[in-house]
Amino acid sequence: MSIGISMLFTFIVAFIGGKLGQRLNFPAPFMIGSMLAVMLFSVLTNKAFFPQEVKVIAQIAAGIFIGQKLTRSDIIHLKYVIKPTLLLLILLTINTS
């Protein structure tokens, strides 16, 4: 399978995982759902691919979106989002190993 086709399939799997996460009411459904779907796709097919250069851009974009939305009230109410945040952190750590 060519690199372009692998990237396309990976993106499609990620999108479907995000939509499934949204339907299942996951916190951050497109991030967590796509991560779980691509992880499963990768394990089952060993065909998941996205260039490492895109990873840095995606992390910067995620940081921007998350950072711009945080307020003082969010910091105070952090106790309500600590579990999903830890899950995301663990999955990101596993995914980058």
C-alpha atoms as a PDB file:
ATOM      1  CA  MET A   1       0.000   0.000   0.000  1.00  0.00           C
ATOM      2  CA  SER A   2       1.395   3.417  -0.914  1.00  0.00           C
ATOM      3  CA  ILE A   3       2.123   6.095   1.681  1.00  0.00           C
ATOM      4  CA  GLY A   4      -0.640   8.317   0.299  1.00  0.00           C
ATOM      5  CA  ILE A   5      -3.232   5.551   0.541  1.00  0.00           C
ATOM      6  CA  SER A   6      -2.071   4.653   4.076  1.00  0.00           C
ATOM      7  CA  MET A   7      -2.418   8.300   5.116  1.00  0.00           C
ATOM      8  CA  LEU A   8      -5.892   8.499   3.564  1.00  0.00           C
ATOM      9  CA  PHE A   9      -7.068   5.301   5.297  1.00  0.00           C
ATOM     10  CA  THR A  10      -5.574   6.505   8.593  1.00  0.00           C
ATOM     11  CA  PHE A  11      -7.417   9.818   8.276  1.00  0.00           C
ATOM     12  CA  ILE A  12     -10.711   8.099   7.416  1.00  0.00           C
ATOM     13  CA  VAL A  13     -10.358   5.706  10.370  1.00  0.00           C
ATOM     14  CA  ALA A  14      -9.587   8.677  12.645  1.00  0.00           C
ATOM     15  CA  PHE A  15     -12.647  10.578  11.421  1.00  0.00           C
ATOM     16  CA  ILE A  16     -14.930   7.574  11.900  1.00  0.00           C
ATOM     17  CA  GLY A  17     -13.477   7.054  15.390  1.00  0.00           C
ATOM     18  CA  GLY A  18     -14.143  10.696  16.208  1.00  0.00           C
ATOM     19  CA  LYS A  19     -17.738  10.475  15.030  1.00  0.00           C
ATOM     20  CA  LEU A  20     -18.191   7.269  17.042  1.00  0.00           C
ATOM     21  CA  GLY A  21     -16.695   8.978  20.095  1.00  0.00           C
ATOM     22  CA  GLN A  22     -19.134  11.843  19.584  1.00  0.00           C
ATOM     23  CA  ARG A  23     -22.066   9.442  19.344  1.00  0.00           C
ATOM     24  CA  LEU A  24     -20.895   7.679  22.535  1.00  0.00           C
ATOM     25  CA  ASN A  25     -20.518  11.043  24.315  1.00  0.00           C
ATOM     26  CA  PHE A  26     -16.779  10.715  24.952  1.00  0.00           C
ATOM     27  CA  PRO A  27     -15.062  13.755  26.432  1.00  0.00           C
ATOM     28  CA  ALA A  28     -13.055  15.345  23.575  1.00  0.00           C
ATOM     29  CA  PRO A  29     -14.674  12.797  21.234  1.00  0.00           C
ATOM     30  CA  PHE A  30     -12.677  13.543  18.103  1.00  0.00           C
ATOM     31  CA  MET A  31      -9.377  13.365  19.916  1.00  0.00           C
ATOM     32  CA  ILE A  32     -10.041  10.291  22.042  1.00  0.00           C
ATOM     33  CA  GLY A  33     -12.268   8.489  19.539  1.00  0.00           C
ATOM     34  CA  SER A  34      -9.836   8.995  16.675  1.00  0.00           C
ATOM     35  CA  MET A  35      -6.901   7.958  18.849  1.00  0.00           C
ATOM     36  CA  LEU A  36      -8.596   4.721  19.886  1.00  0.00           C
ATOM     37  CA  ALA A  37      -9.740   3.954  16.325  1.00  0.00           C
ATOM     38  CA  VAL A  38      -6.314   4.562  14.781  1.00  0.00           C
ATOM     39  CA  MET A  39      -4.653   2.584  17.562  1.00  0.00           C
ATOM     40  CA  LEU A  40      -6.924  -0.379  16.782  1.00  0.00           C
ATOM     41  CA  PHE A  41      -6.381   0.077  13.025  1.00  0.00           C
ATOM     42  CA  SER A  42      -2.621   0.164  13.554  1.00  0.00           C
ATOM     43  CA  VAL A  43      -2.595  -2.946  15.749  1.00  0.00           C
ATOM     44  CA  LEU A  44      -4.816  -4.931  13.389  1.00  0.00           C
ATOM     45  CA  THR A  45      -3.305  -3.892  10.051  1.00  0.00           C
ATOM     46  CA  ASN A  46       0.077  -2.281  10.743  1.00  0.00           C
ATOM     47  CA  LYS A  47      -0.916   0.182   7.977  1.00  0.00           C
ATOM     48  CA  ALA A  48      -1.628   3.352   9.980  1.00  0.00           C
ATOM     49  CA  PHE A  49       0.640   6.170   8.837  1.00  0.00           C
ATOM     50  CA  PHE A  50       0.965   9.903   9.202  1.00  0.00           C
ATOM     51  CA  PRO A  51       4.230  11.841   8.773  1.00  0.00           C
ATOM     52  CA  GLN A  52       6.050  12.819  11.968  1.00  0.00           C
ATOM     53  CA  GLU A  53       6.219  16.438  10.771  1.00  0.00           C
ATOM     54  CA  VAL A  54       2.440  16.653  11.023  1.00  0.00           C
ATOM     55  CA  LYS A  55       2.609  15.502  14.658  1.00  0.00           C
ATOM     56  CA  VAL A  56       4.386  18.674  15.761  1.00  0.00           C
ATOM     57  CA  ILE A  57       1.902  20.878  13.922  1.00  0.00           C
ATOM     58  CA  ALA A  58      -1.035  18.951  15.417  1.00  0.00           C
ATOM     59  CA  GLN A  59       0.382  19.287  18.946  1.00  0.00           C
ATOM     60  CA  ILE A  60       0.893  23.021  18.484  1.00  0.00           C
ATOM     61  CA  ALA A  61      -2.663  23.416  17.146  1.00  0.00           C
ATOM     62  CA  ALA A  62      -4.101  21.395  20.044  1.00  0.00           C
ATOM     63  CA  GLY A  63      -2.145  23.512  22.512  1.00  0.00           C
ATOM     64  CA  ILE A  64      -3.482  26.694  20.918  1.00  0.00           C
ATOM     65  CA  PHE A  65      -7.107  25.525  20.983  1.00  0.00           C
ATOM     66  CA  ILE A  66      -6.916  24.289  24.549  1.00  0.00           C
ATOM     67  CA  GLY A  67      -4.929  27.250  25.835  1.00  0.00           C
ATOM     68  CA  GLN A  68      -7.147  29.922  24.336  1.00  0.00           C
ATOM     69  CA  LYS A  69     -10.238  28.459  25.956  1.00  0.00           C
ATOM     70  CA  LEU A  70      -8.899  28.153  29.519  1.00  0.00           C
ATOM     71  CA  THR A  71     -10.141  30.671  32.036  1.00  0.00           C
ATOM     72  CA  ARG A  72      -9.634  31.221  35.731  1.00  0.00           C
ATOM     73  CA  SER A  73     -12.943  29.418  36.357  1.00  0.00           C
ATOM     74  CA  ASP A  74     -11.669  26.402  34.391  1.00  0.00           C
ATOM     75  CA  ILE A  75      -8.640  26.139  36.631  1.00  0.00           C
ATOM     76  CA  ILE A  76     -10.883  26.246  39.693  1.00  0.00           C
ATOM     77  CA  HIS A  77     -13.114  23.505  38.243  1.00  0.00           C
ATOM     78  CA  LEU A  78     -10.207  21.331  37.117  1.00  0.00           C
ATOM     79  CA  LYS A  79     -11.261  18.592  39.516  1.00  0.00           C
ATOM     80  CA  TYR A  80     -14.167  17.742  37.176  1.00  0.00           C
ATOM     81  CA  VAL A  81     -11.950  17.117  34.142  1.00  0.00           C
ATOM     82  CA  ILE A  82      -8.964  15.479  35.775  1.00  0.00           C
ATOM     83  CA  LYS A  83     -10.010  11.908  34.836  1.00  0.00           C
ATOM     84  CA  PRO A  84     -10.504  12.583  31.087  1.00  0.00           C
ATOM     85  CA  THR A  85      -7.304  14.653  31.099  1.00  0.00           C
ATOM     86  CA  LEU A  86      -5.302  11.819  32.641  1.00  0.00           C
ATOM     87  CA  LEU A  87      -6.803   9.331  30.167  1.00  0.00           C
ATOM     88  CA  LEU A  88      -5.813  11.593  27.277  1.00  0.00           C
ATOM     89  CA  LEU A  89      -2.318  12.048  28.695  1.00  0.00           C
ATOM     90  CA  ILE A  90      -1.850   8.296  29.117  1.00  0.00           C
ATOM     91  CA  LEU A  91      -3.095   7.567  25.593  1.00  0.00           C
ATOM     92  CA  LEU A  92      -0.851  10.265  24.127  1.00  0.00           C
ATOM     93  CA  THR A  93       2.108   8.864  26.013  1.00  0.00           C
ATOM     94  CA  ILE A  94       1.417   5.333  24.793  1.00  0.00           C
ATOM     95  CA  ASN A  95       0.872   6.609  21.253  1.00  0.00           C
ATOM     96  CA  THR A  96       4.236   8.408  21.088  1.00  0.00           C
ATOM     97  CA  SER A  97       6.345   5.564  22.463  1.00  0.00           C
END
